[in-house]
Amino acid sequence: MTTSSMKAKTVRVRIEEGKTGLFFATSPDLKGLLAAEPTVDALHEAIPKAIVDLYGACGVAVVVSMLDQTDDAFQPWVAFPADVARRELGKLDA
């Protein structure tokens, strides 16, 4: 998948506390997503980097942000193609 053909994607992230006190993030939408940190705040900082890295491994540059909504099981994040973001920001500067 090339960045130019990609549309924004929602990545639902499940956060769970492990038996050792670490917090873990996984996703049914993004295979391979796994982040672990000692606090939820640190995990929220690690999640976008993990998403960027997974897309980057496929040659796709994305900008990631947490959405302001949640359900009982998942916190949604959005992965937005970086080239589209740059192009749209350029329109604002013009």
Protein backbone atom coordinates (compact mmCIF):
# COMPACT_ATOMS: atom_id res chain seq x y z
CA MET A 1 0.00 0.00 0.00
CA THR A 2 1.41 3.36 -0.95
CA THR A 3 0.77 6.41 1.14
CA SER A 4 -0.96 8.23 -1.72
CA SER A 5 -3.57 5.46 -2.02
CA MET A 6 -4.17 5.20 1.71
CA LYS A 7 -7.08 6.85 3.45
CA ALA A 8 -7.23 7.66 7.15
CA LYS A 9 -7.71 4.51 9.23
CA THR A 10 -9.15 4.04 12.69
CA VAL A 11 -7.00 1.85 14.92
CA ARG A 12 -8.92 0.57 17.94
CA VAL A 13 -6.55 0.00 20.85
CA ARG A 14 -7.27 -2.17 23.87
CA ILE A 15 -5.41 -1.25 27.06
CA GLU A 16 -5.08 -3.85 29.77
CA GLU A 17 -3.13 -4.07 32.99
CA GLY A 18 -0.94 -7.15 33.27
CA LYS A 19 -0.30 -9.20 36.38
CA THR A 20 3.10 -7.56 36.88
CA GLY A 21 1.64 -4.03 36.92
CA LEU A 22 2.62 -3.11 33.35
CA PHE A 23 -0.03 -1.71 31.03
CA PHE A 24 -0.31 -3.27 27.56
CA ALA A 25 -1.79 -1.96 24.31
CA THR A 26 -2.91 -4.26 21.50
CA SER A 27 -5.20 -3.81 18.51
CA PRO A 28 -7.48 -6.06 16.47
CA ASP A 29 -7.14 -3.55 13.61
CA LEU A 30 -3.34 -3.39 13.36
CA LYS A 31 -1.63 -6.76 13.46
CA GLY A 32 1.57 -6.71 15.48
CA LEU A 33 0.70 -3.71 17.65
CA LEU A 34 2.04 -4.31 21.12
CA ALA A 35 3.24 -1.66 23.53
CA ALA A 36 3.95 -2.04 27.24
CA GLU A 37 4.69 0.67 29.78
CA PRO A 38 4.59 1.06 33.58
CA THR A 39 1.86 3.75 33.49
CA VAL A 40 -1.15 4.52 31.32
CA ASP A 41 0.27 7.98 30.56
CA ALA A 42 3.51 6.46 29.30
CA LEU A 43 1.51 3.96 27.27
CA HIS A 44 -0.47 6.79 25.64
CA GLU A 45 2.87 8.28 24.56
CA ALA A 46 4.11 4.91 23.22
CA ILE A 47 0.99 3.97 21.23
CA PRO A 48 1.33 6.55 18.41
CA LYS A 49 5.02 5.70 17.97
CA ALA A 50 4.17 2.01 17.72
CA ILE A 51 1.48 2.74 15.10
CA VAL A 52 3.84 4.98 13.10
CA ASP A 53 6.55 2.30 13.24
CA LEU A 54 4.22 -0.48 12.05
CA TYR A 55 2.94 1.57 9.11
CA GLY A 56 6.50 2.71 8.39
CA ALA A 57 7.64 -0.92 8.15
CA CYS A 58 5.19 -1.21 5.24
CA GLY A 59 6.54 1.95 3.61
CA VAL A 60 3.64 4.16 4.66
CA ALA A 61 4.24 7.42 6.56
CA VAL A 62 1.37 8.38 8.87
CA VAL A 63 0.47 10.99 11.44
CA VAL A 64 -1.31 9.48 14.46
CA SER A 65 -3.69 11.03 16.95
CA MET A 66 -6.03 9.73 19.65
CA LEU A 67 -9.71 10.33 18.94
CA ASP A 68 -11.88 11.96 21.56
CA GLN A 69 -14.18 9.00 22.02
CA THR A 70 -14.03 5.63 23.64
CA ASP A 71 -16.13 2.60 24.38
CA ASP A 72 -15.79 0.05 27.14
CA ALA A 73 -13.22 -2.06 25.32
CA PHE A 74 -11.25 0.20 22.97
CA GLN A 75 -9.65 3.63 22.65
CA PRO A 76 -9.72 4.71 18.99
CA TRP A 77 -6.72 6.33 17.30
CA VAL A 78 -6.52 7.61 13.73
CA ALA A 79 -3.62 7.00 11.34
CA PHE A 80 -3.67 9.72 8.67
CA PRO A 81 -1.40 9.62 5.58
CA ALA A 82 1.47 12.06 6.17
CA ASP A 83 1.61 13.23 2.55
CA VAL A 84 -2.07 14.21 2.67
CA ALA A 85 -1.50 16.05 5.95
CA ARG A 86 1.45 17.97 4.46
CA ARG A 87 -0.55 18.88 1.35
CA GLU A 88 -3.53 20.12 3.40
CA LEU A 89 -1.28 22.09 5.78
CA GLY A 90 0.37 23.69 2.73
CA LYS A 91 -3.05 24.96 1.64
CA LEU A 92 -3.46 26.67 5.02
CA ASP A 93 -0.10 28.42 4.66
CA ALA A 94 -0.93 29.71 1.16
